[in-house]
N, C-alpha and C. Protein backbone atom coordinates (compact mmCIF):
# COMPACT_ATOMS: atom_id res chain seq x y z
N MET A 1 16.40 -38.94 3.84
CA MET A 1 17.02 -39.33 2.41
C MET A 1 17.66 -40.24 2.08
N SER A 2 17.25 -41.05 1.33
CA SER A 2 18.24 -42.01 0.80
C SER A 2 19.25 -41.79 -0.05
N ALA A 3 20.23 -42.78 -0.45
CA ALA A 3 21.43 -42.25 -1.00
C ALA A 3 21.12 -42.31 -2.47
N ASP A 4 20.02 -42.93 -2.87
CA ASP A 4 19.41 -43.01 -4.32
C ASP A 4 18.90 -41.56 -4.86
N HIS A 5 18.14 -41.09 -3.81
CA HIS A 5 17.44 -39.85 -3.79
C HIS A 5 18.46 -38.74 -4.00
N GLU A 6 19.36 -38.53 -3.64
CA GLU A 6 20.71 -38.10 -3.46
C GLU A 6 21.28 -37.67 -4.77
N ASP A 7 21.65 -38.83 -5.30
CA ASP A 7 22.31 -39.43 -6.75
C ASP A 7 21.30 -38.52 -7.67
N ILE A 8 20.35 -38.86 -7.56
CA ILE A 8 19.36 -38.17 -8.89
C ILE A 8 19.36 -36.85 -8.71
N LEU A 9 19.22 -36.11 -7.39
CA LEU A 9 19.06 -34.68 -7.45
C LEU A 9 20.50 -34.18 -7.77
N GLY A 10 21.60 -35.05 -7.45
CA GLY A 10 22.81 -34.50 -7.32
C GLY A 10 23.24 -34.62 -9.18
N ALA A 11 22.47 -35.85 -9.89
CA ALA A 11 22.66 -35.72 -11.28
C ALA A 11 21.86 -34.67 -12.37
N ALA A 12 20.49 -34.12 -11.37
CA ALA A 12 19.88 -33.26 -12.28
C ALA A 12 20.73 -31.83 -11.85
N ALA A 13 21.38 -31.83 -10.88
CA ALA A 13 22.33 -30.39 -10.71
C ALA A 13 23.35 -30.55 -12.02
N GLU A 14 24.04 -31.84 -11.81
CA GLU A 14 24.90 -31.46 -12.41
C GLU A 14 24.93 -31.42 -14.25
N TRP A 15 23.70 -32.31 -14.53
CA TRP A 15 23.49 -32.10 -16.01
C TRP A 15 22.77 -30.89 -16.56
N ARG A 16 22.42 -29.98 -15.21
CA ARG A 16 21.93 -28.39 -15.89
C ARG A 16 23.52 -27.56 -15.69
N ARG A 17 24.37 -27.96 -14.98
CA ARG A 17 25.59 -27.18 -15.29
C ARG A 17 26.28 -27.75 -16.41
N ASP A 18 26.06 -28.80 -17.11
CA ASP A 18 26.44 -29.01 -18.24
C ASP A 18 25.91 -28.33 -19.51
N GLY A 19 24.60 -27.59 -19.09
CA GLY A 19 24.12 -26.87 -20.19
C GLY A 19 22.77 -27.97 -20.56
N ARG A 20 22.46 -29.36 -20.22
CA ARG A 20 21.47 -29.76 -20.45
C ARG A 20 19.99 -29.28 -20.20
N GLY A 21 18.95 -29.38 -20.95
CA GLY A 21 17.45 -29.48 -20.25
C GLY A 21 17.56 -30.48 -19.47
N VAL A 22 16.70 -30.47 -18.43
CA VAL A 22 16.25 -31.87 -17.41
C VAL A 22 14.95 -31.44 -16.92
N ALA A 23 14.24 -32.50 -16.90
CA ALA A 23 13.26 -32.64 -15.86
C ALA A 23 13.18 -33.80 -14.92
N LEU A 24 12.49 -33.67 -13.72
CA LEU A 24 12.60 -34.34 -12.45
C LEU A 24 11.10 -34.96 -12.68
N ALA A 25 11.05 -36.46 -12.47
CA ALA A 25 9.81 -36.94 -12.30
C ALA A 25 9.56 -37.87 -11.17
N THR A 26 8.33 -37.28 -10.12
CA THR A 26 8.46 -37.88 -8.76
C THR A 26 6.97 -38.54 -8.54
N VAL A 27 7.21 -39.78 -7.92
CA VAL A 27 5.86 -40.20 -7.51
C VAL A 27 5.04 -39.29 -6.34
N VAL A 28 4.02 -38.85 -6.63
CA VAL A 28 3.07 -38.35 -5.34
C VAL A 28 1.99 -38.82 -4.87
N THR A 29 1.40 -39.98 -5.79
CA THR A 29 0.50 -40.83 -5.07
C THR A 29 0.32 -42.09 -5.59
N THR A 30 -0.14 -42.97 -4.80
CA THR A 30 -0.01 -44.59 -5.09
C THR A 30 -1.38 -45.31 -4.64
N TRP A 31 -1.74 -46.16 -5.14
CA TRP A 31 -3.07 -46.53 -4.40
C TRP A 31 -2.93 -48.07 -5.08
N GLY A 32 -3.21 -49.40 -4.11
CA GLY A 32 -2.78 -50.62 -4.42
C GLY A 32 -1.82 -51.00 -4.62
N SER A 33 -1.52 -51.82 -5.70
CA SER A 33 -0.23 -52.78 -6.07
C SER A 33 0.63 -51.32 -6.61
N SER A 34 1.67 -51.00 -6.25
CA SER A 34 2.44 -50.01 -6.62
C SER A 34 3.77 -50.24 -6.84
N PRO A 35 4.56 -50.21 -8.08
CA PRO A 35 5.88 -50.85 -7.96
C PRO A 35 6.92 -49.64 -7.18
N ARG A 36 6.64 -48.53 -6.79
CA ARG A 36 8.01 -47.82 -6.24
C ARG A 36 6.86 -47.29 -5.17
N PRO A 37 7.51 -46.34 -4.10
CA PRO A 37 6.61 -45.79 -3.29
C PRO A 37 6.51 -44.19 -3.46
N VAL A 38 5.79 -43.57 -3.02
CA VAL A 38 5.77 -42.22 -2.90
C VAL A 38 7.24 -41.65 -2.41
N GLY A 39 7.52 -40.68 -3.68
CA GLY A 39 8.86 -40.17 -3.32
C GLY A 39 9.84 -40.75 -4.36
N SER A 40 9.47 -41.61 -4.97
CA SER A 40 10.40 -42.23 -5.93
C SER A 40 10.65 -40.92 -6.96
N GLN A 41 11.67 -41.30 -7.33
CA GLN A 41 12.25 -40.15 -8.47
C GLN A 41 13.12 -40.42 -9.73
N LEU A 42 12.88 -39.82 -10.82
CA LEU A 42 13.51 -40.40 -12.21
C LEU A 42 13.70 -39.08 -12.62
N VAL A 43 15.06 -38.62 -12.97
CA VAL A 43 15.71 -37.59 -14.01
C VAL A 43 15.73 -37.79 -15.22
N VAL A 44 15.42 -36.91 -16.13
CA VAL A 44 15.72 -37.26 -17.38
C VAL A 44 16.41 -36.04 -18.33
N ASP A 45 16.94 -36.09 -19.31
CA ASP A 45 17.64 -35.06 -19.76
C ASP A 45 16.82 -35.06 -21.57
N GLU A 46 17.00 -33.76 -22.17
CA GLU A 46 16.27 -33.54 -23.16
C GLU A 46 16.89 -34.73 -24.43
N ALA A 47 17.82 -35.45 -24.11
CA ALA A 47 18.10 -36.55 -25.27
C ALA A 47 17.57 -38.01 -24.69
N GLY A 48 16.42 -38.03 -23.56
CA GLY A 48 16.09 -39.37 -23.06
C GLY A 48 17.09 -39.79 -21.97
N ALA A 49 18.19 -39.60 -21.74
CA ALA A 49 19.05 -40.27 -20.65
C ALA A 49 18.33 -39.92 -19.31
N MET A 50 18.43 -41.24 -18.39
CA MET A 50 17.62 -41.03 -17.42
C MET A 50 18.41 -41.67 -16.02
N LEU A 51 18.01 -41.31 -14.92
CA LEU A 51 18.59 -42.03 -13.92
C LEU A 51 17.34 -42.08 -13.07
N GLY A 52 17.53 -43.12 -12.32
CA GLY A 52 16.35 -43.34 -11.05
C GLY A 52 15.17 -44.00 -11.60
N SER A 53 14.07 -44.27 -10.77
CA SER A 53 13.08 -45.04 -11.36
C SER A 53 11.60 -44.37 -10.53
N VAL A 54 10.71 -44.49 -11.41
CA VAL A 54 9.10 -44.13 -10.79
C VAL A 54 8.34 -45.42 -10.95
N SER A 55 8.54 -46.62 -11.56
CA SER A 55 7.73 -47.56 -11.42
C SER A 55 8.57 -49.01 -11.62
N GLY A 56 9.97 -49.01 -11.72
CA GLY A 56 10.70 -50.25 -11.67
C GLY A 56 10.35 -50.77 -13.21
N GLY A 57 10.20 -49.71 -14.04
CA GLY A 57 10.28 -50.04 -15.40
C GLY A 57 8.95 -50.00 -16.26
N CYS A 58 7.77 -50.28 -16.11
CA CYS A 58 6.67 -50.31 -16.47
C CYS A 58 6.06 -49.33 -17.21
N ILE A 59 6.19 -48.13 -16.64
CA ILE A 59 5.92 -46.85 -17.32
C ILE A 59 6.95 -46.03 -17.47
N GLU A 60 8.11 -46.02 -17.11
CA GLU A 60 9.13 -45.55 -17.70
C GLU A 60 9.10 -44.86 -18.90
N GLY A 61 8.84 -45.52 -19.92
CA GLY A 61 8.99 -45.21 -21.31
C GLY A 61 8.18 -44.03 -21.40
N ALA A 62 6.86 -43.80 -20.89
CA ALA A 62 5.73 -42.98 -21.17
C ALA A 62 6.00 -41.42 -20.41
N VAL A 63 6.91 -41.85 -19.26
CA VAL A 63 7.23 -40.81 -18.02
C VAL A 63 8.29 -40.31 -18.91
N VAL A 64 9.15 -40.79 -19.18
CA VAL A 64 10.64 -40.13 -20.11
C VAL A 64 10.08 -39.28 -21.22
N SER A 65 8.90 -39.77 -22.19
CA SER A 65 8.51 -38.96 -23.11
C SER A 65 7.93 -37.83 -22.46
N GLU A 66 6.90 -38.02 -21.93
CA GLU A 66 6.20 -36.66 -21.16
C GLU A 66 7.26 -35.84 -20.43
N ALA A 67 8.43 -36.14 -19.81
CA ALA A 67 9.53 -35.34 -19.33
C ALA A 67 10.20 -34.36 -20.48
N ILE A 68 10.60 -35.13 -21.43
CA ILE A 68 10.95 -34.64 -22.91
C ILE A 68 10.13 -33.19 -23.28
N GLU A 69 8.80 -33.64 -23.42
CA GLU A 69 7.73 -32.24 -23.35
C GLU A 69 8.01 -31.05 -22.69
N VAL A 70 8.03 -31.71 -21.25
CA VAL A 70 8.09 -30.62 -20.41
C VAL A 70 9.15 -29.89 -20.22
N ILE A 71 10.46 -30.52 -20.79
CA ILE A 71 11.73 -30.01 -21.11
C ILE A 71 11.47 -28.61 -21.94
N GLY A 72 10.74 -29.14 -23.10
CA GLY A 72 10.40 -28.32 -24.23
C GLY A 72 9.19 -27.34 -24.08
N ASP A 73 8.61 -27.58 -23.25
CA ASP A 73 7.44 -26.25 -23.13
C ASP A 73 7.52 -25.78 -21.87
N GLY A 74 8.29 -26.43 -20.80
CA GLY A 74 8.48 -25.81 -19.64
C GLY A 74 7.10 -25.98 -18.23
N LYS A 75 6.18 -26.47 -18.87
CA LYS A 75 4.99 -26.70 -18.32
C LYS A 75 4.80 -28.26 -17.42
N PRO A 76 4.98 -28.30 -15.88
CA PRO A 76 4.38 -29.17 -15.37
C PRO A 76 3.48 -29.95 -15.46
N ARG A 77 3.30 -31.14 -15.21
CA ARG A 77 2.19 -31.82 -15.11
C ARG A 77 2.36 -33.28 -14.44
N VAL A 78 0.95 -33.25 -14.12
CA VAL A 78 0.74 -34.95 -13.57
C VAL A 78 0.20 -35.83 -14.10
N LEU A 79 0.85 -36.95 -14.49
CA LEU A 79 0.32 -37.93 -15.05
C LEU A 79 -0.06 -39.43 -14.14
N ASP A 80 -1.50 -39.54 -15.16
CA ASP A 80 -2.06 -40.81 -14.04
C ASP A 80 -2.14 -41.89 -14.61
N PHE A 81 -1.39 -43.22 -14.06
CA PHE A 81 -1.63 -44.28 -14.43
C PHE A 81 -2.54 -45.47 -13.72
N GLY A 82 -3.24 -45.95 -14.11
CA GLY A 82 -3.63 -47.09 -13.41
C GLY A 82 -4.94 -47.95 -13.68
N VAL A 83 -5.29 -49.07 -13.42
CA VAL A 83 -6.06 -50.24 -14.02
C VAL A 83 -7.44 -49.36 -14.93
N THR A 84 -7.83 -48.31 -14.29
CA THR A 84 -8.71 -48.08 -15.09
C THR A 84 -8.54 -46.96 -16.32
N ASN A 85 -7.05 -46.78 -16.49
CA ASN A 85 -6.63 -46.18 -17.64
C ASN A 85 -6.31 -47.09 -18.73
N GLU A 86 -6.77 -47.01 -19.97
CA GLU A 86 -6.44 -47.84 -21.03
C GLU A 86 -4.77 -47.72 -21.09
N GLN A 87 -4.03 -46.28 -21.10
CA GLN A 87 -2.86 -46.15 -21.11
C GLN A 87 -2.07 -47.07 -20.35
N ALA A 88 -2.78 -47.38 -18.94
CA ALA A 88 -1.77 -48.06 -18.25
C ALA A 88 -1.72 -49.34 -18.71
N TRP A 89 -2.55 -50.18 -19.72
CA TRP A 89 -2.55 -51.17 -19.94
C TRP A 89 -1.23 -51.37 -21.23
N GLU A 90 -1.47 -50.11 -21.68
CA GLU A 90 -0.61 -50.16 -22.84
C GLU A 90 1.00 -49.85 -22.74
N VAL A 91 1.41 -49.38 -21.35
CA VAL A 91 2.64 -49.10 -20.78
C VAL A 91 3.08 -50.36 -20.06
N GLY A 92 2.23 -51.28 -19.69
CA GLY A 92 2.49 -52.26 -18.76
C GLY A 92 2.15 -52.30 -17.45
N LEU A 93 1.36 -51.54 -17.14
CA LEU A 93 0.77 -51.05 -15.57
C LEU A 93 -0.52 -52.00 -15.47
N ALA A 94 -0.57 -53.33 -15.57
CA ALA A 94 -1.56 -53.97 -15.26
C ALA A 94 -1.74 -54.77 -13.72
N CYS A 95 -0.76 -54.46 -13.32
CA CYS A 95 -0.82 -55.28 -11.87
C CYS A 95 -1.99 -54.60 -10.71
N GLY A 96 -2.89 -53.99 -11.19
CA GLY A 96 -4.02 -53.55 -10.18
C GLY A 96 -3.62 -52.26 -9.19
N GLY A 97 -2.92 -51.55 -9.93
CA GLY A 97 -2.58 -50.38 -8.71
C GLY A 97 -2.85 -48.95 -9.87
N LYS A 98 -2.82 -48.08 -9.10
CA LYS A 98 -2.51 -46.72 -9.59
C LYS A 98 -1.44 -45.73 -9.10
N ILE A 99 -1.19 -45.19 -9.75
CA ILE A 99 0.51 -44.04 -9.55
C ILE A 99 0.12 -42.74 -10.16
N GLN A 100 0.51 -41.70 -9.70
CA GLN A 100 0.43 -40.38 -10.09
C GLN A 100 1.74 -39.97 -10.13
N VAL A 101 2.39 -39.40 -11.06
CA VAL A 101 3.89 -38.63 -11.00
C VAL A 101 3.77 -37.21 -11.53
N PHE A 102 4.50 -36.71 -10.65
CA PHE A 102 4.59 -34.79 -11.20
C PHE A 102 5.78 -34.84 -11.69
N VAL A 103 5.79 -34.30 -13.19
CA VAL A 103 6.91 -34.16 -13.95
C VAL A 103 6.89 -32.71 -13.83
N GLU A 104 8.43 -31.84 -13.55
CA GLU A 104 8.60 -30.60 -13.69
C GLU A 104 10.07 -30.50 -14.30
N LYS A 105 10.17 -29.21 -15.13
CA LYS A 105 11.61 -28.69 -15.49
C LYS A 105 12.58 -28.55 -14.53
N VAL A 106 13.81 -28.69 -14.69
CA VAL A 106 14.59 -28.17 -13.60
C VAL A 106 15.37 -27.02 -14.26
N ALA A 107 15.23 -25.88 -13.56
CA ALA A 107 15.65 -24.48 -14.10
C ALA A 107 17.15 -24.22 -13.72
């Protein structure tokens, strides 16, 4: 486990202790050109504060928006971004790869 990984999980735990709503996003699948490897994580609170990265920036905005929804409804989801997905072009993932991100609420 890398130091970055520990910092992200530590931040998630600290934010929960502070009473914040928190979601954790984790890269679960990549194919082709992907900016971050499987296991990369991003923690988000209900106000949109974040730590970590699941894409080096190109899909973070979309992931943060979904994470805030997950905090609100408590329903985990898998987000798909790739060259065949029109949304991928909109969020800047036009590099020829595919990435799946699992987003879950931290209880």
